[in-house]
Amino acid sequence: TVHILASLDDIAWLFQLRGKDIPYNPVFFS
């Protein structure tokens, strides 16, 4: 009934967003 995500690359892919919180990896804390 619920899915929890903490992996930043999976979250970025799922919501079609990118960030600059980690060098070399365009992901964001979430």
Full PDB file with SEQRES, HELIX, SHEET, SSBOND, CRYST1, ORIGX, SCALE, CONECT and MASTER records, all heavy atoms in Angstrom:
SEQRES   1 A   30  THR VAL HIS ILE LEU ALA SER LEU ASP ASP ILE ALA TRP          
SEQRES   2 A   30  LEU PHE GLN LEU ARG GLY LYS ASP ILE PRO TYR ASN PRO          
SEQRES   3 A   30  VAL PHE PHE SER                                              
HELIX    1 AA1 LEU A    8  PHE A   15  1                                   8    
CRYST1    1.000    1.000    1.000  90.00  90.00  90.00 P 1           1          
ORIGX1      1.000000  0.000000  0.000000        0.00000                         
ORIGX2      0.000000  1.000000  0.000000        0.00000                         
ORIGX3      0.000000  0.000000  1.000000        0.00000                         
SCALE1      1.000000  0.000000  0.000000        0.00000                         
SCALE2      0.000000  1.000000  0.000000        0.00000                         
SCALE3      0.000000  0.000000  1.000000        0.00000                         
ATOM      1  N   THR A   1       0.814  -1.214   0.000  1.00  0.00           N  
ATOM      2  CA  THR A   1       0.000   0.000   0.000  1.00  0.00           C  
ATOM      3  C   THR A   1       0.849   1.266   0.000  1.00  0.00           C  
ATOM      4  O   THR A   1       0.355   2.345  -0.321  1.00  0.00           O  
ATOM      5  CB  THR A   1      -0.916   0.012   1.233  1.00  0.00           C  
ATOM      6  OG1 THR A   1      -0.112  -0.143   2.423  1.00  0.00           O  
ATOM      7  CG2 THR A   1      -1.930  -1.121   1.158  1.00  0.00           C  
ATOM      8  N   VAL A   2       2.127   1.121   0.381  1.00  0.00           N  
ATOM      9  CA  VAL A   2       3.034   2.270   0.458  1.00  0.00           C  
ATOM     10  C   VAL A   2       4.403   1.854  -0.068  1.00  0.00           C  
ATOM     11  O   VAL A   2       4.845   0.721   0.157  1.00  0.00           O  
ATOM     12  CB  VAL A   2       3.166   2.783   1.908  1.00  0.00           C  
ATOM     13  CG1 VAL A   2       4.249   3.854   2.015  1.00  0.00           C  
ATOM     14  CG2 VAL A   2       1.846   3.326   2.414  1.00  0.00           C  
ATOM     15  N   HIS A   3       5.060   2.775  -0.753  1.00  0.00           N  
ATOM     16  CA  HIS A   3       6.435   2.563  -1.209  1.00  0.00           C  
ATOM     17  C   HIS A   3       7.276   3.725  -0.713  1.00  0.00           C  
ATOM     18  O   HIS A   3       6.942   4.888  -0.946  1.00  0.00           O  
ATOM     19  CB  HIS A   3       6.461   2.486  -2.733  1.00  0.00           C  
ATOM     20  CG  HIS A   3       7.825   2.364  -3.342  1.00  0.00           C  
ATOM     21  ND1 HIS A   3       8.862   1.664  -2.761  1.00  0.00           N  
ATOM     22  CD2 HIS A   3       8.335   2.867  -4.519  1.00  0.00           C  
ATOM     23  CE1 HIS A   3       9.931   1.730  -3.535  1.00  0.00           C  
ATOM     24  NE2 HIS A   3       9.644   2.456  -4.586  1.00  0.00           N  
ATOM     25  N   ILE A   4       8.360   3.424   0.009  1.00  0.00           N  
ATOM     26  CA  ILE A   4       9.257   4.455   0.538  1.00  0.00           C  
ATOM     27  C   ILE A   4      10.567   4.424  -0.233  1.00  0.00           C  
ATOM     28  O   ILE A   4      11.175   3.373  -0.415  1.00  0.00           O  
ATOM     29  CB  ILE A   4       9.547   4.229   2.037  1.00  0.00           C  
ATOM     30  CG1 ILE A   4       8.256   4.253   2.851  1.00  0.00           C  
ATOM     31  CG2 ILE A   4      10.517   5.290   2.549  1.00  0.00           C  
ATOM     32  CD1 ILE A   4       7.533   5.577   2.848  1.00  0.00           C  
ATOM     33  N   LEU A   5      11.005   5.599  -0.668  1.00  0.00           N  
ATOM     34  CA  LEU A   5      12.264   5.738  -1.414  1.00  0.00           C  
ATOM     35  C   LEU A   5      13.225   6.647  -0.668  1.00  0.00           C  
ATOM     36  O   LEU A   5      12.843   7.751  -0.243  1.00  0.00           O  
ATOM     37  CB  LEU A   5      11.997   6.343  -2.796  1.00  0.00           C  
ATOM     38  CG  LEU A   5      11.645   5.419  -3.962  1.00  0.00           C  
ATOM     39  CD1 LEU A   5      11.343   6.264  -5.194  1.00  0.00           C  
ATOM     40  CD2 LEU A   5      12.773   4.449  -4.249  1.00  0.00           C  
ATOM     41  N   ALA A   6      14.467   6.207  -0.523  1.00  0.00           N  
ATOM     42  CA  ALA A   6      15.513   7.052   0.040  1.00  0.00           C  
ATOM     43  C   ALA A   6      16.709   7.166  -0.899  1.00  0.00           C  
ATOM     44  O   ALA A   6      17.630   7.933  -0.635  1.00  0.00           O  
ATOM     45  CB  ALA A   6      15.960   6.511   1.387  1.00  0.00           C  
ATOM     46  N   SER A   7      16.732   6.383  -1.986  1.00  0.00           N  
ATOM     47  CA  SER A   7      17.833   6.418  -2.952  1.00  0.00           C  
ATOM     48  C   SER A   7      17.653   7.620  -3.872  1.00  0.00           C  
ATOM     49  O   SER A   7      16.662   7.733  -4.599  1.00  0.00           O  
ATOM     50  CB  SER A   7      17.881   5.118  -3.755  1.00  0.00           C  
ATOM     51  OG  SER A   7      16.579   4.736  -4.173  1.00  0.00           O  
ATOM     52  N   LEU A   8      18.612   8.528  -3.842  1.00  0.00           N  
ATOM     53  CA  LEU A   8      18.453   9.825  -4.492  1.00  0.00           C  
ATOM     54  C   LEU A   8      18.334   9.727  -6.004  1.00  0.00           C  
ATOM     55  O   LEU A   8      17.600  10.499  -6.628  1.00  0.00           O  
ATOM     56  CB  LEU A   8      19.622  10.739  -4.118  1.00  0.00           C  
ATOM     57  CG  LEU A   8      19.841  10.967  -2.614  1.00  0.00           C  
ATOM     58  CD1 LEU A   8      20.923  12.015  -2.393  1.00  0.00           C  
ATOM     59  CD2 LEU A   8      18.549  11.356  -1.913  1.00  0.00           C  
ATOM     60  N   ASP A   9      19.061   8.781  -6.631  1.00  0.00           N  
ATOM     61  CA  ASP A   9      18.976   8.663  -8.088  1.00  0.00           C  
ATOM     62  C   ASP A   9      17.607   8.126  -8.515  1.00  0.00           C  
ATOM     63  O   ASP A   9      17.060   8.538  -9.546  1.00  0.00           O  
ATOM     64  CB  ASP A   9      20.101   7.795  -8.636  1.00  0.00           C  
ATOM     65  CG  ASP A   9      20.181   6.430  -7.980  1.00  0.00           C  
ATOM     66  OD1 ASP A   9      19.770   6.287  -6.807  1.00  0.00           O  
ATOM     67  OD2 ASP A   9      20.669   5.485  -8.622  1.00  0.00           O  
ATOM     68  N   ASP A  10      17.040   7.216  -7.717  1.00  0.00           N  
ATOM     69  CA  ASP A  10      15.711   6.698  -8.031  1.00  0.00           C  
ATOM     70  C   ASP A  10      14.659   7.804  -7.932  1.00  0.00           C  
ATOM     71  O   ASP A  10      13.744   7.896  -8.755  1.00  0.00           O  
ATOM     72  CB  ASP A  10      15.341   5.550  -7.084  1.00  0.00           C  
ATOM     73  CG  ASP A  10      16.165   4.296  -7.326  1.00  0.00           C  
ATOM     74  OD1 ASP A  10      16.637   4.114  -8.464  1.00  0.00           O  
ATOM     75  OD2 ASP A  10      16.341   3.513  -6.386  1.00  0.00           O  
ATOM     76  N   ILE A  11      14.793   8.647  -6.910  1.00  0.00           N  
ATOM     77  CA  ILE A  11      13.847   9.752  -6.727  1.00  0.00           C  
ATOM     78  C   ILE A  11      13.962  10.750  -7.874  1.00  0.00           C  
ATOM     79  O   ILE A  11      12.960  11.200  -8.437  1.00  0.00           O  
ATOM     80  CB  ILE A  11      14.093  10.443  -5.373  1.00  0.00           C  
ATOM     81  CG1 ILE A  11      13.764   9.482  -4.227  1.00  0.00           C  
ATOM     82  CG2 ILE A  11      13.266  11.721  -5.255  1.00  0.00           C  
ATOM     83  CD1 ILE A  11      14.172   9.987  -2.853  1.00  0.00           C  
ATOM     84  N   ALA A  12      15.194  11.093  -8.234  1.00  0.00           N  
ATOM     85  CA  ALA A  12      15.398  12.040  -9.339  1.00  0.00           C  
ATOM     86  C   ALA A  12      14.792  11.508 -10.630  1.00  0.00           C  
ATOM     87  O   ALA A  12      14.145  12.249 -11.381  1.00  0.00           O  
ATOM     88  CB  ALA A  12      16.893  12.303  -9.523  1.00  0.00           C  
ATOM     89  N   TRP A  13      15.001  10.209 -10.900  1.00  0.00           N  
ATOM     90  CA  TRP A  13      14.437   9.607 -12.117  1.00  0.00           C  
ATOM     91  C   TRP A  13      12.921   9.626 -12.078  1.00  0.00           C  
ATOM     92  O   TRP A  13      12.274  10.001 -13.060  1.00  0.00           O  
ATOM     93  CB  TRP A  13      14.937   8.163 -12.249  1.00  0.00           C  
ATOM     94  CG  TRP A  13      14.278   7.426 -13.379  1.00  0.00           C  
ATOM     95  CD1 TRP A  13      14.653   7.434 -14.701  1.00  0.00           C  
ATOM     96  CD2 TRP A  13      13.116   6.594 -13.305  1.00  0.00           C  
ATOM     97  NE1 TRP A  13      13.791   6.665 -15.440  1.00  0.00           N  
ATOM     98  CE2 TRP A  13      12.842   6.135 -14.620  1.00  0.00           C  
ATOM     99  CE3 TRP A  13      12.275   6.197 -12.264  1.00  0.00           C  
ATOM    100  CZ2 TRP A  13      11.759   5.299 -14.902  1.00  0.00           C  
ATOM    101  CZ3 TRP A  13      11.207   5.374 -12.547  1.00  0.00           C  
ATOM    102  CH2 TRP A  13      10.953   4.924 -13.860  1.00  0.00           C  
ATOM    103  N   LEU A  14      12.333   9.238 -10.944  1.00  0.00           N  
ATOM    104  CA  LEU A  14      10.885   9.096 -10.845  1.00  0.00           C  
ATOM    105  C   LEU A  14      10.163  10.415 -11.080  1.00  0.00           C  
ATOM    106  O   LEU A  14       9.148  10.467 -11.781  1.00  0.00           O  
ATOM    107  CB  LEU A  14      10.518   8.533  -9.474  1.00  0.00           C  
ATOM    108  CG  LEU A  14       9.038   8.255  -9.204  1.00  0.00           C  
ATOM    109  CD1 LEU A  14       8.478   7.254 -10.200  1.00  0.00           C  
ATOM    110  CD2 LEU A  14       8.850   7.762  -7.772  1.00  0.00           C  
ATOM    111  N   PHE A  15      10.694  11.503 -10.537  1.00  0.00           N  
ATOM    112  CA  PHE A  15      10.014  12.790 -10.623  1.00  0.00           C  
ATOM    113  C   PHE A  15      10.580  13.706 -11.705  1.00  0.00           C  
ATOM    114  O   PHE A  15      10.186  14.865 -11.816  1.00  0.00           O  
ATOM    115  CB  PHE A  15      10.046  13.487  -9.262  1.00  0.00           C  
ATOM    116  CG  PHE A  15       9.307  12.733  -8.193  1.00  0.00           C  
ATOM    117  CD1 PHE A  15       9.987  12.068  -7.188  1.00  0.00           C  
ATOM    118  CD2 PHE A  15       7.928  12.653  -8.213  1.00  0.00           C  
ATOM    119  CE1 PHE A  15       9.315  11.352  -6.203  1.00  0.00           C  
ATOM    120  CE2 PHE A  15       7.232  11.938  -7.242  1.00  0.00           C  
ATOM    121  CZ  PHE A  15       7.921  11.288  -6.245  1.00  0.00           C  
ATOM    122  N   GLN A  16      11.519  13.184 -12.497  1.00  0.00           N  
ATOM    123  CA  GLN A  16      12.108  13.930 -13.616  1.00  0.00           C  
ATOM    124  C   GLN A  16      12.719  15.259 -13.178  1.00  0.00           C  
ATOM    125  O   GLN A  16      12.558  16.300 -13.828  1.00  0.00           O  
ATOM    126  CB  GLN A  16      11.085  14.138 -14.732  1.00  0.00           C  
ATOM    127  CG  GLN A  16      10.667  12.839 -15.380  1.00  0.00           C  
ATOM    128  CD  GLN A  16       9.848  13.003 -16.645  1.00  0.00           C  
ATOM    129  OE1 GLN A  16       9.562  12.018 -17.292  1.00  0.00           O  
ATOM    130  NE2 GLN A  16       9.465  14.213 -17.005  1.00  0.00           N  
ATOM    131  N   LEU A  17      13.426  15.180 -12.043  1.00  0.00           N  
ATOM    132  CA  LEU A  17      14.088  16.346 -11.485  1.00  0.00           C  
ATOM    133  C   LEU A  17      15.567  16.036 -11.292  1.00  0.00           C  
ATOM    134  O   LEU A  17      15.960  14.884 -11.168  1.00  0.00           O  
ATOM    135  CB  LEU A  17      13.478  16.720 -10.134  1.00  0.00           C  
ATOM    136  CG  LEU A  17      11.991  17.075 -10.128  1.00  0.00           C  
ATOM    137  CD1 LEU A  17      11.500  17.245  -8.687  1.00  0.00           C  
ATOM    138  CD2 LEU A  17      11.725  18.339 -10.929  1.00  0.00           C  
ATOM    139  N   ARG A  18      16.377  17.066 -11.266  1.00  0.00           N  
ATOM    140  CA  ARG A  18      17.798  16.913 -10.998  1.00  0.00           C  
ATOM    141  C   ARG A  18      18.240  18.013 -10.036  1.00  0.00           C  
ATOM    142  O   ARG A  18      17.528  19.002  -9.831  1.00  0.00           O  
ATOM    143  CB  ARG A  18      18.623  16.997 -12.299  1.00  0.00           C  
ATOM    144  CG  ARG A  18      18.272  15.928 -13.335  1.00  0.00           C  
ATOM    145  CD  ARG A  18      18.606  14.532 -12.867  1.00  0.00           C  
ATOM    146  NE  ARG A  18      18.416  13.532 -13.911  1.00  0.00           N  
ATOM    147  CZ  ARG A  18      17.297  12.828 -14.076  1.00  0.00           C  
ATOM    148  NH1 ARG A  18      16.251  13.037 -13.291  1.00  0.00           N  
ATOM    149  NH2 ARG A  18      17.211  11.921 -15.042  1.00  0.00           N  
ATOM    150  N   GLY A  19      19.401  17.827  -9.416  1.00  0.00           N  
ATOM    151  CA  GLY A  19      19.902  18.807  -8.461  1.00  0.00           C  
ATOM    152  C   GLY A  19      21.411  18.878  -8.454  1.00  0.00           C  
ATOM    153  O   GLY A  19      22.080  18.256  -9.282  1.00  0.00           O  
ATOM    154  N   LYS A  20      21.963  19.613  -7.477  1.00  0.00           N  
ATOM    155  CA  LYS A  20      23.413  19.807  -7.399  1.00  0.00           C  
ATOM    156  C   LYS A  20      23.914  19.672  -5.968  1.00  0.00           C  
ATOM    157  O   LYS A  20      24.862  20.334  -5.567  1.00  0.00           O  
ATOM    158  CB  LYS A  20      23.787  21.191  -7.952  1.00  0.00           C  
ATOM    159  CG  LYS A  20      23.509  21.369  -9.441  1.00  0.00           C  
ATOM    160  CD  LYS A  20      23.988  22.720  -9.936  1.00  0.00           C  
ATOM    161  CE  LYS A  20      23.755  22.881 -11.426  1.00  0.00           C  
ATOM    162  NZ  LYS A  20      24.231  24.202 -11.932  1.00  0.00           N  
ATOM    163  N   ASP A  21      23.281  18.768  -5.208  1.00  0.00           N  
ATOM    164  CA  ASP A  21      23.661  18.634  -3.801  1.00  0.00           C  
ATOM    165  C   ASP A  21      24.879  17.751  -3.585  1.00  0.00           C  
ATOM    166  O   ASP A  21      25.510  17.817  -2.528  1.00  0.00           O  
ATOM    167  CB  ASP A  21      22.487  18.071  -2.996  1.00  0.00           C  
ATOM    168  CG  ASP A  21      21.396  19.117  -2.759  1.00  0.00           C  
ATOM    169  OD1 ASP A  21      21.684  20.311  -2.930  1.00  0.00           O  
ATOM    170  OD2 ASP A  21      20.262  18.732  -2.420  1.00  0.00           O  
ATOM    171  N   ILE A  22      25.204  16.897  -4.540  1.00  0.00           N  
ATOM    172  CA  ILE A  22      26.334  15.981  -4.409  1.00  0.00           C  
ATOM    173  C   ILE A  22      27.246  16.134  -5.627  1.00  0.00           C  
ATOM    174  O   ILE A  22      26.771  16.024  -6.759  1.00  0.00           O  
ATOM    175  CB  ILE A  22      25.856  14.522  -4.277  1.00  0.00           C  
ATOM    176  CG1 ILE A  22      25.005  14.366  -3.006  1.00  0.00           C  
ATOM    177  CG2 ILE A  22      27.033  13.556  -4.253  1.00  0.00           C  
ATOM    178  CD1 ILE A  22      24.430  12.988  -2.816  1.00  0.00           C  
ATOM    179  N   PRO A  23      28.525  16.412  -5.434  1.00  0.00           N  
ATOM    180  CA  PRO A  23      29.430  16.595  -6.574  1.00  0.00           C  
ATOM    181  C   PRO A  23      29.389  15.402  -7.527  1.00  0.00           C  
ATOM    182  O   PRO A  23      29.356  14.244  -7.088  1.00  0.00           O  
ATOM    183  CB  PRO A  23      30.804  16.730  -5.913  1.00  0.00           C  
ATOM    184  CG  PRO A  23      30.512  17.221  -4.537  1.00  0.00           C  
ATOM    185  CD  PRO A  23      29.213  16.581  -4.148  1.00  0.00           C  
ATOM    186  N   TYR A  24      29.367  15.702  -8.800  1.00  0.00           N  
ATOM    187  CA  TYR A  24      29.424  14.732  -9.902  1.00  0.00           C  
ATOM    188  C   TYR A  24      28.099  13.996 -10.145  1.00  0.00           C  
ATOM    189  O   TYR A  24      27.942  13.368 -11.186  1.00  0.00           O  
ATOM    190  CB  TYR A  24      30.533  13.687  -9.692  1.00  0.00           C  
ATOM    191  CG  TYR A  24      31.875  14.252  -9.320  1.00  0.00           C  
ATOM    192  CD1 TYR A  24      32.558  13.816  -8.201  1.00  0.00           C  
ATOM    193  CD2 TYR A  24      32.468  15.245 -10.106  1.00  0.00           C  
ATOM    194  CE1 TYR A  24      33.802  14.334  -7.857  1.00  0.00           C  
ATOM    195  CE2 TYR A  24      33.712  15.776  -9.772  1.00  0.00           C  
ATOM    196  CZ  TYR A  24      34.377  15.316  -8.645  1.00  0.00           C  
ATOM    197  OH  TYR A  24      35.605  15.835  -8.319  1.00  0.00           O  
ATOM    198  N   ASN A  25      27.183  14.044  -9.198  1.00  0.00           N  
ATOM    199  CA  ASN A  25      25.905  13.329  -9.343  1.00  0.00           C  
ATOM    200  C   ASN A  25      24.759  14.335  -9.255  1.00  0.00           C  
ATOM    201  O   ASN A  25      24.538  14.909  -8.176  1.00  0.00           O  
ATOM    202  CB  ASN A  25      25.749  12.275  -8.245  1.00  0.00           C  
ATOM    203  CG  ASN A  25      26.868  11.263  -8.272  1.00  0.00           C  
ATOM    204  OD1 ASN A  25      26.956  10.437  -9.165  1.00  0.00           O  
ATOM    205  ND2 ASN A  25      27.758  11.335  -7.287  1.00  0.00           N  
ATOM    206  N   PRO A  26      24.023  14.565 -10.329  1.00  0.00           N  
ATOM    207  CA  PRO A  26      22.984  15.604 -10.321  1.00  0.00           C  
ATOM    208  C   PRO A  26      21.713  15.174  -9.595  1.00  0.00           C  
ATOM    209  O   PRO A  26      20.639  15.069 -10.173  1.00  0.00           O  
ATOM    210  CB  PRO A  26      22.727  15.862 -11.809  1.00  0.00           C  
ATOM    211  CG  PRO A  26      23.115  14.595 -12.486  1.00  0.00           C  
ATOM    212  CD  PRO A  26      24.208  13.989 -11.664  1.00  0.00           C  
ATOM    213  N   VAL A  27      21.859  14.903  -8.300  1.00  0.00           N  
ATOM    214  CA  VAL A  27      20.734  14.500  -7.467  1.00  0.00           C  
ATOM    215  C   VAL A  27      20.550  15.530  -6.360  1.00  0.00           C  
ATOM    216  O   VAL A  27      21.338  16.465  -6.222  1.00  0.00           O  
ATOM    217  CB  VAL A  27      20.959  13.097  -6.866  1.00  0.00           C  
ATOM    218  CG1 VAL A  27      21.019  12.046  -7.969  1.00  0.00           C  
ATOM    219  CG2 VAL A  27      22.238  13.058  -6.023  1.00  0.00           C  
ATOM    220  N   PHE A  28      19.508  15.358  -5.549  1.00  0.00           N  
ATOM    221  CA  PHE A  28      19.209  16.311  -4.491  1.00  0.00           C  
ATOM    222  C   PHE A  28      18.750  15.539  -3.255  1.00  0.00           C  
ATOM    223  O   PHE A  28      18.148  14.478  -3.357  1.00  0.00           O  
ATOM    224  CB  PHE A  28      18.137  17.305  -4.937  1.00  0.00           C  
ATOM    225  CG  PHE A  28      16.904  16.667  -5.511  1.00  0.00           C  
ATOM    226  CD1 PHE A  28      15.776  16.436  -4.728  1.00  0.00           C  
ATOM    227  CD2 PHE A  28      16.876  16.275  -6.854  1.00  0.00           C  
ATOM    228  CE1 PHE A  28      14.648  15.829  -5.266  1.00  0.00           C  
ATOM    229  CE2 PHE A  28      15.742  15.672  -7.399  1.00  0.00           C  
ATOM    230  CZ  PHE A  28      14.630  15.444  -6.597  1.00  0.00           C  
ATOM    231  N   PHE A  29      19.033  16.090  -2.070  1.00  0.00           N  
ATOM    232  CA  PHE A  29      18.643  15.434  -0.822  1.00  0.00           C  
ATOM    233  C   PHE A  29      17.123  15.349  -0.748  1.00  0.00           C  
ATOM    234  O   PHE A  29      16.437  16.373  -0.845  1.00  0.00           O  
ATOM    235  CB  PHE A  29      19.189  16.199   0.384  1.00  0.00           C  
ATOM    236  CG  PHE A  29      20.692  16.212   0.456  1.00  0.00           C  
ATOM    237  CD1 PHE A  29      21.393  17.402   0.540  1.00  0.00           C  
ATOM    238  CD2 PHE A  29      21.409  15.023   0.435  1.00  0.00           C  
ATOM    239  CE1 PHE A  29      22.777  17.415   0.607  1.00  0.00           C  
ATOM    240  CE2 PHE A  29      22.799  15.022   0.500  1.00  0.00           C  
ATOM    241  CZ  PHE A  29      23.482  16.229   0.580  1.00  0.00           C  
ATOM    242  N   SER A  30      16.627  14.145  -0.551  1.00  0.00           N  
ATOM    243  CA  SER A  30      15.178  13.968  -0.602  1.00  0.00           C  
ATOM    244  C   SER A  30      14.781  12.577  -0.122  1.00  0.00           C  
ATOM    245  O   SER A  30      15.618  11.679   0.010  1.00  0.00           O  
ATOM    246  CB  SER A  30      14.675  14.167  -2.041  1.00  0.00           C  
ATOM    247  OG  SER A  30      15.359  13.298  -2.938  1.00  0.00           O  
TER     248      SER A  30                                                      
MASTER        0    0    0    1    0    0    0    6  247    1    0    3          
END                                                                             
